[in-house]
C-alpha atoms as a PDB file:
ATOM      1  CA  VAL A   1     183.451 141.344 129.978  1.00  0.00           C
ATOM      2  CA  ASN A   2     183.164 138.005 131.699  1.00  0.00           C
ATOM      3  CA  VAL A   3     181.993 135.109 129.630  1.00  0.00           C
ATOM      4  CA  THR A   4     180.709 131.932 131.213  1.00  0.00           C
ATOM      5  CA  VAL A   5     180.656 128.833 129.111  1.00  0.00           C
ATOM      6  CA  PHE A   6     178.634 125.804 130.140  1.00  0.00           C
ATOM      7  CA  VAL A   7     179.703 122.552 128.549  1.00  0.00           C
ATOM      8  CA  SER A   8     176.993 119.951 128.273  1.00  0.00           C
ATOM      9  CA  ASP A   9     177.819 116.287 128.176  1.00  0.00           C
ATOM     10  CA  VAL A  10     176.753 114.375 125.120  1.00  0.00           C
ATOM     11  CA  ASN A  11     176.554 110.641 124.861  1.00  0.00           C
ATOM     12  CA  ASP A  12     179.822 110.040 123.038  1.00  0.00           C
ATOM     13  CA  ASN A  13     181.275 107.070 124.938  1.00  0.00           C
ATOM     14  CA  VAL A  14     180.583 103.402 124.467  1.00  0.00           C
ATOM     15  CA  PRO A  15     180.150 101.203 127.544  1.00  0.00           C
ATOM     16  CA  MET A  16     183.263  99.021 127.870  1.00  0.00           C
ATOM     17  CA  PHE A  17     183.865  95.752 129.663  1.00  0.00           C
ATOM     18  CA  GLU A  18     187.146  95.438 131.524  1.00  0.00           C
ATOM     19  CA  PHE A  19     188.151  92.359 129.484  1.00  0.00           C
ATOM     20  CA  PRO A  20     187.207  91.155 125.990  1.00  0.00           C
ATOM     21  CA  SER A  21     186.369  87.726 127.413  1.00  0.00           C
ATOM     22  CA  TYR A  22     185.989  85.859 130.678  1.00  0.00           C
ATOM     23  CA  ALA A  23     186.360  82.162 131.579  1.00  0.00           C
ATOM     24  CA  ILE A  24     184.609  80.732 134.612  1.00  0.00           C
ATOM     25  CA  PRO A  25     184.272  77.234 136.078  1.00  0.00           C
ATOM     26  CA  VAL A  26     180.778  76.191 137.237  1.00  0.00           C
ATOM     27  CA  SER A  27     179.877  72.867 138.812  1.00  0.00           C
ATOM     28  CA  GLU A  28     177.252  70.807 137.021  1.00  0.00           C
ATOM     29  CA  SER A  29     175.563  70.413 140.410  1.00  0.00           C
ATOM     30  CA  THR A  30     174.929  74.178 140.662  1.00  0.00           C
ATOM     31  CA  PRO A  31     171.231  74.712 141.510  1.00  0.00           C
ATOM     32  CA  VAL A  32     168.942  76.453 139.019  1.00  0.00           C
ATOM     33  CA  GLY A  33     168.730  80.181 139.793  1.00  0.00           C
ATOM     34  CA  SER A  34     172.265  80.416 141.188  1.00  0.00           C
ATOM     35  CA  SER A  35     174.375  83.491 140.550  1.00  0.00           C
ATOM     36  CA  ILE A  36     177.507  82.267 138.765  1.00  0.00           C
ATOM     37  CA  PHE A  37     179.233  85.484 137.620  1.00  0.00           C
ATOM     38  CA  HIS A  38     178.925  89.260 137.512  1.00  0.00           C
ATOM     39  CA  VAL A  39     180.008  91.351 134.518  1.00  0.00           C
ATOM     40  CA  THR A  40     180.451  95.113 134.646  1.00  0.00           C
ATOM     41  CA  ALA A  41     180.795  97.604 131.827  1.00  0.00           C
ATOM     42  CA  ASN A  42     181.712 101.237 132.434  1.00  0.00           C
ATOM     43  CA  ASP A  43     180.570 104.194 130.363  1.00  0.00           C
ATOM     44  CA  LEU A  44     182.797 107.270 130.727  1.00  0.00           C
ATOM     45  CA  ASP A  45     180.094 109.845 129.952  1.00  0.00           C
ATOM     46  CA  ALA A  46     179.837 112.384 132.773  1.00  0.00           C
ATOM     47  CA  THR A  47     176.055 112.651 132.906  1.00  0.00           C
ATOM     48  CA  GLU A  48     174.382 109.816 134.782  1.00  0.00           C
ATOM     49  CA  ILE A  49     171.651 109.344 132.192  1.00  0.00           C
ATOM     50  CA  TYR A  50     174.310 108.745 129.526  1.00  0.00           C
ATOM     51  CA  SER A  51     176.509 106.536 131.680  1.00  0.00           C
ATOM     52  CA  ASN A  52     173.845 104.078 132.893  1.00  0.00           C
ATOM     53  CA  VAL A  53     174.417 100.634 131.426  1.00  0.00           C
ATOM     54  CA  THR A  54     172.060  97.709 130.899  1.00  0.00           C
ATOM     55  CA  TYR A  55     172.996  94.136 130.006  1.00  0.00           C
ATOM     56  CA  GLN A  56     171.571  91.507 127.714  1.00  0.00           C
ATOM     57  CA  LEU A  57     172.460  87.946 126.811  1.00  0.00           C
ATOM     58  CA  THR A  58     172.594  88.609 123.072  1.00  0.00           C
ATOM     59  CA  ALA A  59     173.820  85.270 121.825  1.00  0.00           C
ATOM     60  CA  ASP A  60     174.003  81.927 123.469  1.00  0.00           C
ATOM     61  CA  LEU A  61     176.478  80.519 120.992  1.00  0.00           C
ATOM     62  CA  ASN A  62     176.161  76.809 121.801  1.00  0.00           C
ATOM     63  CA  THR A  63     173.310  76.330 124.242  1.00  0.00           C
ATOM     64  CA  SER A  64     169.839  77.671 124.958  1.00  0.00           C
ATOM     65  CA  LEU A  65     167.761  78.576 127.974  1.00  0.00           C
ATOM     66  CA  LEU A  66     170.419  77.599 130.533  1.00  0.00           C
ATOM     67  CA  PHE A  67     171.523  81.118 131.516  1.00  0.00           C
ATOM     68  CA  SER A  68     170.097  84.588 132.066  1.00  0.00           C
ATOM     69  CA  ILE A  69     171.520  88.004 132.917  1.00  0.00           C
ATOM     70  CA  GLU A  70     169.963  90.632 135.167  1.00  0.00           C
ATOM     71  CA  LEU A  71     169.251  93.762 133.121  1.00  0.00           C
ATOM     72  CA  TYR A  72     170.679  96.391 135.491  1.00  0.00           C
ATOM     73  CA  THR A  73     173.247  94.464 137.522  1.00  0.00           C
ATOM     74  CA  GLY A  74     175.043  92.182 135.047  1.00  0.00           C
ATOM     75  CA  VAL A  75     174.586  89.153 137.322  1.00  0.00           C
ATOM     76  CA  ILE A  76     174.542  85.919 135.308  1.00  0.00           C
ATOM     77  CA  ARG A  77     172.351  83.102 136.653  1.00  0.00           C
ATOM     78  CA  THR A  78     171.637  79.498 135.765  1.00  0.00           C
ATOM     79  CA  GLU A  79     168.149  78.925 134.367  1.00  0.00           C
ATOM     80  CA  GLY A  80     168.456  75.192 133.792  1.00  0.00           C
ATOM     81  CA  LEU A  81     170.413  72.183 134.958  1.00  0.00           C
ATOM     82  CA  LEU A  82     173.965  71.940 133.640  1.00  0.00           C
ATOM     83  CA  ASP A  83     175.267  68.574 132.503  1.00  0.00           C
ATOM     84  CA  ARG A  84     178.979  68.184 131.857  1.00  0.00           C
ATOM     85  CA  GLU A  85     178.426  64.913 129.979  1.00  0.00           C
ATOM     86  CA  LEU A  86     176.043  66.595 127.504  1.00  0.00           C
ATOM     87  CA  MET A  87     177.912  69.883 127.048  1.00  0.00           C
ATOM     88  CA  GLY A  88     181.044  70.858 128.928  1.00  0.00           C
ATOM     89  CA  VAL A  89     181.494  74.383 127.553  1.00  0.00           C
ATOM     90  CA  HIS A  90     178.999  77.214 126.984  1.00  0.00           C
ATOM     91  CA  ASN A  91     179.922  80.491 125.257  1.00  0.00           C
ATOM     92  CA  LEU A  92     177.697  83.411 126.254  1.00  0.00           C
ATOM     93  CA  ALA A  93     177.802  86.715 124.387  1.00  0.00           C
ATOM     94  CA  ILE A  94     176.904  89.537 126.780  1.00  0.00           C
ATOM     95  CA  THR A  95     176.171  93.010 125.391  1.00  0.00           C
ATOM     96  CA  ALA A  96     176.206  96.236 127.403  1.00  0.00           C
ATOM     97  CA  TYR A  97     173.941  99.074 126.184  1.00  0.00           C
ATOM     98  CA  ASP A  98     173.703 102.730 127.109  1.00  0.00           C
ATOM     99  CA  ILE A  99     170.693 105.020 126.543  1.00  0.00           C
ATOM    100  CA  SER A 100     171.658 105.738 122.931  1.00  0.00           C
ATOM    101  CA  ASN A 101     172.171 102.044 122.183  1.00  0.00           C
ATOM    102  CA  PHE A 102     175.928 102.356 122.024  1.00  0.00           C
ATOM    103  CA  THR A 103     177.032  98.798 122.674  1.00  0.00           C
ATOM    104  CA  HIS A 104     179.988  96.647 123.577  1.00  0.00           C
ATOM    105  CA  THR A 105     180.047  92.843 123.724  1.00  0.00           C
ATOM    106  CA  THR A 106     182.120  90.389 125.718  1.00  0.00           C
ATOM    107  CA  ILE A 107     182.191  86.598 125.740  1.00  0.00           C
ATOM    108  CA  VAL A 108     181.756  84.637 128.972  1.00  0.00           C
ATOM    109  CA  THR A 109     182.917  81.040 128.563  1.00  0.00           C
ATOM    110  CA  VAL A 110     181.391  78.730 131.156  1.00  0.00           C
ATOM    111  CA  TYR A 111     183.381  75.553 131.779  1.00  0.00           C
ATOM    112  CA  VAL A 112     181.069  73.011 133.379  1.00  0.00           C
ATOM    113  CA  GLN A 113     182.934  71.081 136.073  1.00  0.00           C
ATOM    114  CA  ASP A 114     182.058  67.424 136.523  1.00  0.00           C
ATOM    115  CA  SER A 115     180.283  66.163 139.638  1.00  0.00           C
ATOM    116  CA  ASN A 116     180.001  62.564 140.740  1.00  0.00           C
ATOM    117  CA  ASP A 117     176.456  62.292 139.406  1.00  0.00           C
ATOM    118  CA  ASN A 118     176.556  59.003 137.482  1.00  0.00           C
ATOM    119  CA  ALA A 119     176.657  55.553 139.071  1.00  0.00           C
ATOM    120  CA  PRO A 120     179.151  53.069 137.653  1.00  0.00           C
ATOM    121  CA  ILE A 121     177.770  50.690 135.036  1.00  0.00           C
ATOM    122  CA  PHE A 122     179.075  47.155 134.549  1.00  0.00           C
ATOM    123  CA  GLU A 123     179.128  45.736 131.042  1.00  0.00           C
ATOM    124  CA  GLN A 124     177.609  42.417 132.182  1.00  0.00           C
ATOM    125  CA  PRO A 125     175.566  41.388 135.225  1.00  0.00           C
ATOM    126  CA  THR A 126     178.082  38.906 136.694  1.00  0.00           C
ATOM    127  CA  TYR A 127     181.771  38.096 136.399  1.00  0.00           C
ATOM    128  CA  ALA A 128     183.343  34.702 137.298  1.00  0.00           C
ATOM    129  CA  TYR A 129     187.067  33.925 137.526  1.00  0.00           C
ATOM    130  CA  SER A 130     189.039  30.881 138.613  1.00  0.00           C
ATOM    131  CA  PHE A 131     192.519  31.151 140.076  1.00  0.00           C
ATOM    132  CA  HIS A 132     194.892  29.164 142.265  1.00  0.00           C
ATOM    133  CA  GLU A 133     194.916  29.782 145.981  1.00  0.00           C
ATOM    134  CA  ASP A 134     198.617  30.612 145.985  1.00  0.00           C
ATOM    135  CA  VAL A 135     198.275  33.675 143.715  1.00  0.00           C
ATOM    136  CA  SER A 136     200.536  36.502 144.850  1.00  0.00           C
ATOM    137  CA  VAL A 137     199.065  39.686 146.276  1.00  0.00           C
ATOM    138  CA  GLY A 138     198.643  42.240 143.499  1.00  0.00           C
ATOM    139  CA  GLU A 139     198.683  39.655 140.683  1.00  0.00           C
ATOM    140  CA  LEU A 140     196.019  40.110 137.992  1.00  0.00           C
ATOM    141  CA  VAL A 141     193.351  37.404 138.272  1.00  0.00           C
ATOM    142  CA  GLY A 142     190.687  38.521 135.840  1.00  0.00           C
END
C-alpha cells in the first residue's frame, strides 16, 4: 500500500526584519516626497499568501506627519520639511504584518543632517573699533 501525504503550510512564522533597528542620515534639505530608506521583513512561510508582508508606520515616537511608509514596498518617504534646528533626531517605529496579523517591529532612527539654510545674524547693526596703524597682522583689534 502506498500512502501519499500532503503537508499544507499554515501561517506559523512571524515576519522578521533583518535588524532590530536602523540609523540613517537625511539632509534637512531633502525635498518632500523623497524616498529616504527601504525596510524589508521576510516571512518564512512557504505559501505566498502567508508570506506576503505589509508595512505600517505604527508610532512616530517624537515627531508627526513628517514621514510615511509605502504599504507593500517598505519605502519610507518624507511628507514634510525636515529642520535640524527644530528636531535633529526622529525615531520611527515600523511594523511588518502578515495576513494573520503576526507582527514584528523595528525602529528607524533618522538623523537630520544640517544644511547651510540660515543666514548669519549680527547682534547689533554696526560695529566700530579704533586701532593704531602699526598693528601687527593677526593681532586682535575688536
